[in-house]
Amino acid sequence: MRQPSHPAIEDVRPDAILHALGDAERAAIFAQIAGVCSGGTCTALANTGERVVPRSSLSQHIKVLREAGLIRSERHGVEIRNRSRTLELQEPLRDLVRSIMDAYAWHYGPRTRTDR
């Protein structure tokens, strides 16, 4: 099977980040990937805390995060492992991601906080 495609880090745009993190559930999934579950598989990410995300919805959320350049997905056998690309971003975009995630943490609690 082929590896998922990702935008080059220099092609990541602020509007794509805002769109990707504009959904609270997707932001919680991103926080899991960037935080505790770094390198997590889709199955491990299905529980965002308040409820279990259906696999089809999770796949769509992962796709949006990947296309925005926020995560890298790599196939390992039958699993797809996801990791944050935040540290690869240029500083203004990295600061944007941190600010959005901090705002979610302030509003919803620590489940969406990430310092990565």
C-alpha atoms as a PDB file:
ATOM      1  CA  MET A   1       0.000   0.000   0.000  1.00  0.00           C
ATOM      2  CA  ARG A   2       1.171   3.518  -0.669  1.00  0.00           C
ATOM      3  CA  GLN A   3       1.996   6.091   1.988  1.00  0.00           C
ATOM      4  CA  PRO A   4      -0.430   9.002   2.539  1.00  0.00           C
ATOM      5  CA  SER A   5       0.600  12.282   0.884  1.00  0.00           C
ATOM      6  CA  HIS A   6       1.531  15.388   2.875  1.00  0.00           C
ATOM      7  CA  PRO A   7       2.129  19.006   1.899  1.00  0.00           C
ATOM      8  CA  ALA A   8       5.707  20.216   1.976  1.00  0.00           C
ATOM      9  CA  ILE A   9       6.320  22.088   5.225  1.00  0.00           C
ATOM     10  CA  GLU A  10       6.926  25.354   3.317  1.00  0.00           C
ATOM     11  CA  ASP A  11       3.480  24.972   1.690  1.00  0.00           C
ATOM     12  CA  VAL A  12       1.567  24.887   5.004  1.00  0.00           C
ATOM     13  CA  ARG A  13      -0.803  27.877   5.135  1.00  0.00           C
ATOM     14  CA  PRO A  14      -2.405  29.662   8.113  1.00  0.00           C
ATOM     15  CA  ASP A  15      -5.910  29.317   6.625  1.00  0.00           C
ATOM     16  CA  ALA A  16      -5.475  25.537   6.387  1.00  0.00           C
ATOM     17  CA  ILE A  17      -4.399  25.404  10.045  1.00  0.00           C
ATOM     18  CA  LEU A  18      -7.370  27.547  11.096  1.00  0.00           C
ATOM     19  CA  HIS A  19      -9.742  25.296   9.156  1.00  0.00           C
ATOM     20  CA  ALA A  20      -8.227  22.097  10.541  1.00  0.00           C
ATOM     21  CA  LEU A  21      -8.265  23.254  14.160  1.00  0.00           C
ATOM     22  CA  GLY A  22     -11.587  25.096  13.848  1.00  0.00           C
ATOM     23  CA  ASP A  23     -13.422  21.938  14.908  1.00  0.00           C
ATOM     24  CA  ALA A  24     -13.185  21.160  18.646  1.00  0.00           C
ATOM     25  CA  GLU A  25     -13.280  17.390  18.126  1.00  0.00           C
ATOM     26  CA  ARG A  26     -10.519  17.569  15.527  1.00  0.00           C
ATOM     27  CA  ALA A  27      -8.478  19.812  17.846  1.00  0.00           C
ATOM     28  CA  ALA A  28      -8.850  17.188  20.599  1.00  0.00           C
ATOM     29  CA  ILE A  29      -7.615  14.505  18.194  1.00  0.00           C
ATOM     30  CA  PHE A  30      -4.668  16.720  17.236  1.00  0.00           C
ATOM     31  CA  ALA A  31      -3.874  17.293  20.920  1.00  0.00           C
ATOM     32  CA  GLN A  32      -3.737  13.530  21.435  1.00  0.00           C
ATOM     33  CA  ILE A  33      -1.405  13.119  18.477  1.00  0.00           C
ATOM     34  CA  ALA A  34       0.832  16.012  19.534  1.00  0.00           C
ATOM     35  CA  GLY A  35       0.783  15.107  23.207  1.00  0.00           C
ATOM     36  CA  VAL A  36       0.441  11.835  25.020  1.00  0.00           C
ATOM     37  CA  CYS A  37      -0.384   9.688  21.977  1.00  0.00           C
ATOM     38  CA  SER A  38       2.450  10.899  19.792  1.00  0.00           C
ATOM     39  CA  GLY A  39       2.760   8.329  17.057  1.00  0.00           C
ATOM     40  CA  GLY A  40      -0.678   6.940  17.880  1.00  0.00           C
ATOM     41  CA  THR A  41      -2.669   4.771  15.545  1.00  0.00           C
ATOM     42  CA  CYS A  42      -6.182   5.652  14.392  1.00  0.00           C
ATOM     43  CA  THR A  43      -7.653   3.027  16.723  1.00  0.00           C
ATOM     44  CA  ALA A  44      -5.876   4.505  19.727  1.00  0.00           C
ATOM     45  CA  LEU A  45      -7.235   7.947  18.840  1.00  0.00           C
ATOM     46  CA  ALA A  46     -10.888   6.894  18.583  1.00  0.00           C
ATOM     47  CA  ASN A  47     -11.647   8.004  22.153  1.00  0.00           C
ATOM     48  CA  THR A  48     -11.379  11.809  22.456  1.00  0.00           C
ATOM     49  CA  GLY A  49     -12.444  11.823  26.084  1.00  0.00           C
ATOM     50  CA  GLU A  50     -16.144  12.600  26.010  1.00  0.00           C
ATOM     51  CA  ARG A  51     -17.198  10.043  23.426  1.00  0.00           C
ATOM     52  CA  VAL A  52     -15.875   7.526  20.961  1.00  0.00           C
ATOM     53  CA  VAL A  53     -15.415   8.934  17.459  1.00  0.00           C
ATOM     54  CA  PRO A  54     -16.714   6.650  14.683  1.00  0.00           C
ATOM     55  CA  ARG A  55     -13.857   5.262  12.586  1.00  0.00           C
ATOM     56  CA  SER A  56     -15.145   6.935   9.393  1.00  0.00           C
ATOM     57  CA  SER A  57     -15.279  10.328  11.140  1.00  0.00           C
ATOM     58  CA  LEU A  58     -11.836   9.782  12.631  1.00  0.00           C
ATOM     59  CA  SER A  59     -10.406   8.998   9.194  1.00  0.00           C
ATOM     60  CA  GLN A  60     -11.866  12.238   7.835  1.00  0.00           C
ATOM     61  CA  HIS A  61     -10.488  14.274  10.766  1.00  0.00           C
ATOM     62  CA  ILE A  62      -7.038  12.700  10.277  1.00  0.00           C
ATOM     63  CA  LYS A  63      -7.192  13.527   6.560  1.00  0.00           C
ATOM     64  CA  VAL A  64      -8.005  17.196   7.252  1.00  0.00           C
ATOM     65  CA  LEU A  65      -5.169  17.458   9.800  1.00  0.00           C
ATOM     66  CA  ARG A  66      -2.746  15.760   7.381  1.00  0.00           C
ATOM     67  CA  GLU A  67      -3.755  17.952   4.409  1.00  0.00           C
ATOM     68  CA  ALA A  68      -3.310  21.055   6.580  1.00  0.00           C
ATOM     69  CA  GLY A  69       0.261  19.926   7.263  1.00  0.00           C
ATOM     70  CA  LEU A  70      -0.268  19.477  11.000  1.00  0.00           C
ATOM     71  CA  ILE A  71       0.431  15.743  11.133  1.00  0.00           C
ATOM     72  CA  ARG A  72       2.385  13.106   9.253  1.00  0.00           C
ATOM     73  CA  SER A  73       0.756   9.720   8.742  1.00  0.00           C
ATOM     74  CA  GLU A  74       2.962   6.712   8.039  1.00  0.00           C
ATOM     75  CA  ARG A  75       1.825   3.213   7.242  1.00  0.00           C
ATOM     76  CA  HIS A  76       3.421   0.412   9.286  1.00  0.00           C
ATOM     77  CA  GLY A  77       1.937  -2.887   8.146  1.00  0.00           C
ATOM     78  CA  VAL A  78      -1.817  -2.554   8.587  1.00  0.00           C
ATOM     79  CA  GLU A  79      -1.539   0.385  11.015  1.00  0.00           C
ATOM     80  CA  ILE A  80      -1.255   4.048  10.210  1.00  0.00           C
ATOM     81  CA  ARG A  81       0.777   5.978  12.775  1.00  0.00           C
ATOM     82  CA  ASN A  82       0.342   9.712  13.121  1.00  0.00           C
ATOM     83  CA  ARG A  83       2.733  12.277  14.542  1.00  0.00           C
ATOM     84  CA  SER A  84       2.659  16.034  14.918  1.00  0.00           C
ATOM     85  CA  ARG A  85       4.615  18.216  12.512  1.00  0.00           C
ATOM     86  CA  THR A  86       4.276  21.304  14.723  1.00  0.00           C
ATOM     87  CA  LEU A  87       8.001  21.532  15.470  1.00  0.00           C
ATOM     88  CA  GLU A  88       8.744  21.487  11.728  1.00  0.00           C
ATOM     89  CA  LEU A  89       6.562  24.553  11.085  1.00  0.00           C
ATOM     90  CA  GLN A  90       8.016  28.028  10.752  1.00  0.00           C
ATOM     91  CA  GLU A  91       7.763  29.957  14.013  1.00  0.00           C
ATOM     92  CA  PRO A  92       4.705  32.144  13.192  1.00  0.00           C
ATOM     93  CA  LEU A  93       2.691  29.041  12.219  1.00  0.00           C
ATOM     94  CA  ARG A  94       3.947  27.119  15.255  1.00  0.00           C
ATOM     95  CA  ASP A  95       2.837  30.038  17.449  1.00  0.00           C
ATOM     96  CA  LEU A  96      -0.569  30.030  15.730  1.00  0.00           C
ATOM     97  CA  VAL A  97      -1.055  26.333  16.518  1.00  0.00           C
ATOM     98  CA  ARG A  98      -0.018  26.847  20.150  1.00  0.00           C
ATOM     99  CA  SER A  99      -2.366  29.829  20.535  1.00  0.00           C
ATOM    100  CA  ILE A 100      -5.334  27.915  19.130  1.00  0.00           C
ATOM    101  CA  MET A 101      -4.642  24.885  21.317  1.00  0.00           C
ATOM    102  CA  ASP A 102      -4.153  27.086  24.396  1.00  0.00           C
ATOM    103  CA  ALA A 103      -7.520  28.745  23.703  1.00  0.00           C
ATOM    104  CA  TYR A 104      -9.194  25.317  23.514  1.00  0.00           C
ATOM    105  CA  ALA A 105      -7.484  24.282  26.758  1.00  0.00           C
ATOM    106  CA  TRP A 106      -8.678  27.457  28.457  1.00  0.00           C
ATOM    107  CA  HIS A 107     -12.236  26.951  27.233  1.00  0.00           C
ATOM    108  CA  TYR A 108     -12.663  23.154  27.344  1.00  0.00           C
ATOM    109  CA  GLY A 109      -9.998  22.036  29.795  1.00  0.00           C
ATOM    110  CA  PRO A 110      -6.618  20.344  29.466  1.00  0.00           C
ATOM    111  CA  ARG A 111      -7.719  17.564  27.074  1.00  0.00           C
ATOM    112  CA  THR A 112      -6.826  19.823  24.124  1.00  0.00           C
ATOM    113  CA  ARG A 113      -3.640  21.381  25.512  1.00  0.00           C
ATOM    114  CA  THR A 114      -0.348  20.663  23.837  1.00  0.00           C
ATOM    115  CA  ASP A 115       3.066  22.261  24.113  1.00  0.00           C
ATOM    116  CA  ARG A 116       4.525  20.353  21.167  1.00  0.00           C
END
